[in-house]
């Protein structure tokens, strides 16, 4: 058995697939909430290194305002949408991983001043 499968429960079988988004900001949170709303058979994890950001996503005071977002999150949170700081666990559990974090702009070479600097990836 793979080490990532150790924490899986029988209840997990109700999901067709599991996706993870690293980054609970202006792009990751609302995008994953929308996917969870329209795809109830997909388990959606949103993870972030900032526990305060995750706490707000798990509260009634979301960190972001978008029209309809509050109702969307309340409808699916705890059903097929989950917010946590357990990044490694979510990555292990999921088949699809989105990365939605701040990416600095290149300051050198081809694309300097325009392209994303991916040297740390």
C-alpha atoms as a PDB file:
ATOM      1  CA  UNK A   1       0.000   0.000   0.000  1.00  0.00           C
ATOM      2  CA  UNK A   2       1.269   3.455  -0.913  1.00  0.00           C
ATOM      3  CA  UNK A   3       2.007   5.732   2.102  1.00  0.00           C
ATOM      4  CA  UNK A   4      -0.399   8.334   0.734  1.00  0.00           C
ATOM      5  CA  UNK A   5      -3.266   5.838   0.910  1.00  0.00           C
ATOM      6  CA  UNK A   6      -2.950   5.202   4.647  1.00  0.00           C
ATOM      7  CA  UNK A   7      -5.411   7.933   5.661  1.00  0.00           C
ATOM      8  CA  UNK A   8      -8.082   7.127   3.072  1.00  0.00           C
ATOM      9  CA  UNK A   9     -11.495   6.155   4.395  1.00  0.00           C
ATOM     10  CA  UNK A  10     -14.258   4.096   2.814  1.00  0.00           C
ATOM     11  CA  UNK A  11     -16.279   7.322   2.462  1.00  0.00           C
ATOM     12  CA  UNK A  12     -13.740   8.540  -0.123  1.00  0.00           C
ATOM     13  CA  UNK A  13     -15.162   6.184  -2.763  1.00  0.00           C
ATOM     14  CA  UNK A  14     -18.106   8.528  -3.402  1.00  0.00           C
ATOM     15  CA  UNK A  15     -15.767  10.922  -5.232  1.00  0.00           C
ATOM     16  CA  UNK A  16     -14.954  10.357  -8.891  1.00  0.00           C
ATOM     17  CA  UNK A  17     -11.729  12.296  -8.569  1.00  0.00           C
ATOM     18  CA  UNK A  18      -9.880  14.482  -6.091  1.00  0.00           C
ATOM     19  CA  UNK A  19      -8.228  17.778  -6.881  1.00  0.00           C
ATOM     20  CA  UNK A  20      -6.018  20.095  -4.876  1.00  0.00           C
ATOM     21  CA  UNK A  21      -5.269  23.769  -5.242  1.00  0.00           C
ATOM     22  CA  UNK A  22      -2.154  25.119  -3.587  1.00  0.00           C
ATOM     23  CA  UNK A  23      -2.989  28.730  -2.795  1.00  0.00           C
ATOM     24  CA  UNK A  24      -6.155  30.017  -1.112  1.00  0.00           C
ATOM     25  CA  UNK A  25      -6.093  33.515  -2.555  1.00  0.00           C
ATOM     26  CA  UNK A  26      -8.107  35.506  -5.074  1.00  0.00           C
ATOM     27  CA  UNK A  27      -7.751  32.887  -7.810  1.00  0.00           C
ATOM     28  CA  UNK A  28      -7.509  29.549  -5.997  1.00  0.00           C
ATOM     29  CA  UNK A  29     -10.332  29.923  -3.478  1.00  0.00           C
ATOM     30  CA  UNK A  30     -13.125  31.143  -5.774  1.00  0.00           C
ATOM     31  CA  UNK A  31     -12.096  28.866  -8.653  1.00  0.00           C
ATOM     32  CA  UNK A  32     -12.116  25.753  -6.486  1.00  0.00           C
ATOM     33  CA  UNK A  33     -15.400  26.754  -4.811  1.00  0.00           C
ATOM     34  CA  UNK A  34     -16.973  27.015  -8.262  1.00  0.00           C
ATOM     35  CA  UNK A  35     -15.596  23.632  -9.319  1.00  0.00           C
ATOM     36  CA  UNK A  36     -16.930  22.081  -6.099  1.00  0.00           C
ATOM     37  CA  UNK A  37     -20.364  23.641  -6.656  1.00  0.00           C
ATOM     38  CA  UNK A  38     -20.746  22.339 -10.192  1.00  0.00           C
ATOM     39  CA  UNK A  39     -18.940  18.997  -9.695  1.00  0.00           C
ATOM     40  CA  UNK A  40     -20.340  17.355  -6.529  1.00  0.00           C
ATOM     41  CA  UNK A  41     -18.568  14.080  -7.364  1.00  0.00           C
ATOM     42  CA  UNK A  42     -15.154  15.811  -7.211  1.00  0.00           C
ATOM     43  CA  UNK A  43     -13.458  16.278  -3.842  1.00  0.00           C
ATOM     44  CA  UNK A  44     -11.728  19.666  -3.807  1.00  0.00           C
ATOM     45  CA  UNK A  45      -8.942  20.571  -1.379  1.00  0.00           C
ATOM     46  CA  UNK A  46      -7.688  24.151  -1.107  1.00  0.00           C
ATOM     47  CA  UNK A  47      -4.448  24.359   0.850  1.00  0.00           C
ATOM     48  CA  UNK A  48      -2.252  27.229   1.904  1.00  0.00           C
ATOM     49  CA  UNK A  49       0.730  27.841   4.206  1.00  0.00           C
ATOM     50  CA  UNK A  50      -1.133  30.717   5.874  1.00  0.00           C
ATOM     51  CA  UNK A  51      -3.310  29.361   8.718  1.00  0.00           C
ATOM     52  CA  UNK A  52      -5.134  32.712   9.088  1.00  0.00           C
ATOM     53  CA  UNK A  53      -6.191  32.586   5.440  1.00  0.00           C
ATOM     54  CA  UNK A  54      -7.461  29.017   5.842  1.00  0.00           C
ATOM     55  CA  UNK A  55      -9.284  29.942   9.064  1.00  0.00           C
ATOM     56  CA  UNK A  56     -11.140  32.696   7.209  1.00  0.00           C
ATOM     57  CA  UNK A  57     -12.147  30.321   4.409  1.00  0.00           C
ATOM     58  CA  UNK A  58     -13.509  27.994   7.102  1.00  0.00           C
ATOM     59  CA  UNK A  59     -15.441  30.818   8.789  1.00  0.00           C
ATOM     60  CA  UNK A  60     -18.466  32.960   7.982  1.00  0.00           C
ATOM     61  CA  UNK A  61     -16.085  35.837   7.165  1.00  0.00           C
ATOM     62  CA  UNK A  62     -14.425  34.836   3.874  1.00  0.00           C
ATOM     63  CA  UNK A  63     -11.137  36.571   3.020  1.00  0.00           C
ATOM     64  CA  UNK A  64     -12.408  37.595  -0.418  1.00  0.00           C
ATOM     65  CA  UNK A  65     -15.589  39.165  -1.716  1.00  0.00           C
ATOM     66  CA  UNK A  66     -17.017  38.071  -5.024  1.00  0.00           C
ATOM     67  CA  UNK A  67     -20.750  38.222  -5.774  1.00  0.00           C
ATOM     68  CA  UNK A  68     -22.278  34.853  -4.840  1.00  0.00           C
ATOM     69  CA  UNK A  69     -19.045  33.430  -3.398  1.00  0.00           C
ATOM     70  CA  UNK A  70     -20.274  33.332   0.199  1.00  0.00           C
ATOM     71  CA  UNK A  71     -23.365  31.303  -0.722  1.00  0.00           C
ATOM     72  CA  UNK A  72     -21.324  29.046  -3.002  1.00  0.00           C
ATOM     73  CA  UNK A  73     -18.756  28.224  -0.301  1.00  0.00           C
ATOM     74  CA  UNK A  74     -21.427  27.655   2.362  1.00  0.00           C
ATOM     75  CA  UNK A  75     -23.251  25.230   0.054  1.00  0.00           C
ATOM     76  CA  UNK A  76     -20.255  22.932  -0.552  1.00  0.00           C
ATOM     77  CA  UNK A  77     -17.783  23.472   2.303  1.00  0.00           C
ATOM     78  CA  UNK A  78     -17.429  20.286   4.317  1.00  0.00           C
ATOM     79  CA  UNK A  79     -19.210  18.251   1.627  1.00  0.00           C
ATOM     80  CA  UNK A  80     -16.786  18.238  -1.275  1.00  0.00           C
ATOM     81  CA  UNK A  81     -14.838  21.455  -0.610  1.00  0.00           C
ATOM     82  CA  UNK A  82     -12.200  21.503   2.123  1.00  0.00           C
ATOM     83  CA  UNK A  83      -9.720  24.166   3.241  1.00  0.00           C
ATOM     84  CA  UNK A  84      -6.593  23.271   5.219  1.00  0.00           C
ATOM     85  CA  UNK A  85      -2.895  23.823   5.795  1.00  0.00           C
ATOM     86  CA  UNK A  86      -2.166  20.096   5.285  1.00  0.00           C
ATOM     87  CA  UNK A  87      -0.421  20.599   1.961  1.00  0.00           C
ATOM     88  CA  UNK A  88       1.483  17.302   1.789  1.00  0.00           C
ATOM     89  CA  UNK A  89      -1.586  15.273   2.735  1.00  0.00           C
ATOM     90  CA  UNK A  90      -3.719  16.980   0.080  1.00  0.00           C
ATOM     91  CA  UNK A  91      -1.073  16.490  -2.600  1.00  0.00           C
ATOM     92  CA  UNK A  92      -0.807  12.793  -1.727  1.00  0.00           C
ATOM     93  CA  UNK A  93      -4.572  12.320  -1.862  1.00  0.00           C
ATOM     94  CA  UNK A  94      -5.276  14.125  -5.128  1.00  0.00           C
ATOM     95  CA  UNK A  95      -4.957  13.164  -8.776  1.00  0.00           C
ATOM     96  CA  UNK A  96      -4.950  16.739 -10.099  1.00  0.00           C
ATOM     97  CA  UNK A  97      -2.996  19.584  -8.518  1.00  0.00           C
ATOM     98  CA  UNK A  98      -3.415  23.257  -9.363  1.00  0.00           C
ATOM     99  CA  UNK A  99      -0.817  25.803  -8.294  1.00  0.00           C
ATOM    100  CA  UNK A 100      -2.311  29.215  -7.669  1.00  0.00           C
ATOM    101  CA  UNK A 101       0.315  31.232  -5.818  1.00  0.00           C
ATOM    102  CA  UNK A 102       1.984  34.576  -6.371  1.00  0.00           C
ATOM    103  CA  UNK A 103       4.619  34.188  -9.053  1.00  0.00           C
ATOM    104  CA  UNK A 104       7.271  36.899  -9.381  1.00  0.00           C
ATOM    105  CA  UNK A 105       8.077  38.434 -12.737  1.00  0.00           C
ATOM    106  CA  UNK A 106      11.425  37.583 -14.320  1.00  0.00           C
ATOM    107  CA  UNK A 107      14.063  40.250 -13.856  1.00  0.00           C
ATOM    108  CA  UNK A 108      16.656  38.601 -16.131  1.00  0.00           C
ATOM    109  CA  UNK A 109      16.993  36.855 -19.491  1.00  0.00           C
ATOM    110  CA  UNK A 110      14.356  36.311 -22.156  1.00  0.00           C
ATOM    111  CA  UNK A 111      11.022  37.668 -20.942  1.00  0.00           C
ATOM    112  CA  UNK A 112      12.522  39.937 -18.257  1.00  0.00           C
ATOM    113  CA  UNK A 113       9.824  42.286 -16.987  1.00  0.00           C
ATOM    114  CA  UNK A 114       7.038  40.258 -18.648  1.00  0.00           C
ATOM    115  CA  UNK A 115       7.288  36.505 -18.019  1.00  0.00           C
ATOM    116  CA  UNK A 116       6.796  34.537 -14.809  1.00  0.00           C
ATOM    117  CA  UNK A 117       9.984  33.650 -12.950  1.00  0.00           C
ATOM    118  CA  UNK A 118       9.744  29.896 -12.413  1.00  0.00           C
ATOM    119  CA  UNK A 119      13.310  29.289 -11.186  1.00  0.00           C
ATOM    120  CA  UNK A 120      11.999  27.946  -7.844  1.00  0.00           C
ATOM    121  CA  UNK A 121       9.701  25.392  -9.490  1.00  0.00           C
END
